[in-house]
């Protein structure tokens, strides 16, 4: 419903601009207004979610609840945090 409201607002603004300003200038003005409106809506959506760091935090390898992830070698099963397994040297690991 909110998207339909913003679509209606952008169409109303576009029609108003096209009625008031001659053609070549109105086209540029409508495109600029459309871009500014999209910029405003995007900033508003990001501020509702929080800061951009919160979005990056969702994909961080360490959980935010204080517990650490455990990595296990897929070849021998040893738990480790290095790039390669210290026991067999394999770089394949799973999170468990």
Protein backbone atom coordinates (compact mmCIF):
# COMPACT_ATOMS: atom_id res chain seq x y z
CA UNK A 1 0.00 0.00 0.00
CA UNK A 2 2.87 2.34 0.83
CA UNK A 3 4.46 1.71 -2.57
CA UNK A 4 1.23 2.59 -4.35
CA UNK A 5 1.11 5.84 -2.41
CA UNK A 6 4.64 6.80 -3.51
CA UNK A 7 3.90 5.79 -7.12
CA UNK A 8 0.84 8.05 -7.06
CA UNK A 9 2.86 10.91 -5.58
CA UNK A 10 5.57 10.56 -8.24
CA UNK A 11 2.99 10.45 -11.06
CA UNK A 12 1.23 13.53 -9.67
CA UNK A 13 4.53 15.41 -9.45
CA UNK A 14 5.45 14.36 -13.01
CA UNK A 15 2.12 15.47 -14.45
CA UNK A 16 2.32 18.79 -12.60
CA UNK A 17 5.84 19.46 -13.87
CA UNK A 18 4.91 18.53 -17.44
CA UNK A 19 1.96 20.96 -17.36
CA UNK A 20 3.97 23.87 -15.95
CA UNK A 21 7.30 23.60 -17.79
CA UNK A 22 7.89 23.27 -21.58
CA UNK A 23 8.86 19.87 -22.98
CA UNK A 24 12.66 19.62 -23.12
CA UNK A 25 13.12 21.18 -19.69
CA UNK A 26 10.24 19.25 -18.12
CA UNK A 27 11.73 15.89 -19.13
CA UNK A 28 15.03 16.69 -17.42
CA UNK A 29 13.18 18.04 -14.36
CA UNK A 30 10.95 14.95 -14.12
CA UNK A 31 13.96 12.61 -14.32
CA UNK A 32 15.78 14.64 -11.66
CA UNK A 33 12.72 14.66 -9.42
CA UNK A 34 12.31 10.91 -9.86
CA UNK A 35 15.95 10.30 -8.89
CA UNK A 36 15.70 12.59 -5.85
CA UNK A 37 12.50 10.86 -4.73
CA UNK A 38 14.13 7.44 -5.03
CA UNK A 39 17.16 8.70 -3.09
CA UNK A 40 14.87 10.01 -0.34
CA UNK A 41 12.94 6.75 -0.12
CA UNK A 42 16.14 4.68 0.01
CA UNK A 43 17.60 6.85 2.79
CA UNK A 44 14.34 6.56 4.70
CA UNK A 45 14.35 2.78 4.36
CA UNK A 46 17.96 2.54 5.54
CA UNK A 47 17.24 4.74 8.55
CA UNK A 48 14.32 2.48 9.50
CA UNK A 49 16.56 -0.58 9.41
CA UNK A 50 19.32 1.18 11.31
CA UNK A 51 22.78 2.15 10.24
CA UNK A 52 24.64 0.40 7.44
CA UNK A 53 26.93 -1.30 9.97
CA UNK A 54 23.96 -3.22 11.32
CA UNK A 55 23.34 -4.63 7.85
CA UNK A 56 27.00 -5.65 7.56
CA UNK A 57 26.78 -7.26 11.00
CA UNK A 58 24.27 -9.80 9.73
CA UNK A 59 26.90 -11.32 7.45
CA UNK A 60 29.87 -11.23 9.83
CA UNK A 61 31.50 -14.57 10.59
CA UNK A 62 31.20 -14.12 14.35
CA UNK A 63 27.77 -14.19 15.94
CA UNK A 64 26.69 -11.21 18.00
CA UNK A 65 25.38 -13.20 20.96
CA UNK A 66 28.87 -13.81 22.36
CA UNK A 67 29.39 -17.45 21.32
CA UNK A 68 32.13 -18.13 18.80
CA UNK A 69 31.79 -20.31 15.72
CA UNK A 70 33.57 -23.65 15.61
CA UNK A 71 35.30 -24.72 12.42
CA UNK A 72 35.94 -28.42 11.73
CA UNK A 73 38.21 -29.91 9.07
CA UNK A 74 36.18 -31.82 6.49
CA UNK A 75 38.97 -34.40 5.99
CA UNK A 76 39.96 -35.36 9.53
CA UNK A 77 37.34 -33.63 11.72
CA UNK A 78 39.78 -31.62 13.86
CA UNK A 79 38.43 -28.36 15.31
CA UNK A 80 40.59 -25.33 14.38
CA UNK A 81 40.47 -21.62 13.46
CA UNK A 82 43.37 -21.48 10.98
CA UNK A 83 43.11 -21.29 7.20
CA UNK A 84 44.53 -24.79 6.75
CA UNK A 85 44.05 -27.69 9.15
CA UNK A 86 47.10 -28.06 11.45
CA UNK A 87 46.68 -31.86 11.49
CA UNK A 88 46.24 -32.79 7.80
CA UNK A 89 46.78 -29.48 5.93
CA UNK A 90 43.36 -29.45 4.22
CA UNK A 91 41.77 -26.06 3.59
CA UNK A 92 38.23 -27.42 3.47
CA UNK A 93 36.31 -26.75 6.67
CA UNK A 94 32.72 -26.68 7.84
CA UNK A 95 31.02 -24.68 10.53
CA UNK A 96 29.51 -26.64 13.37
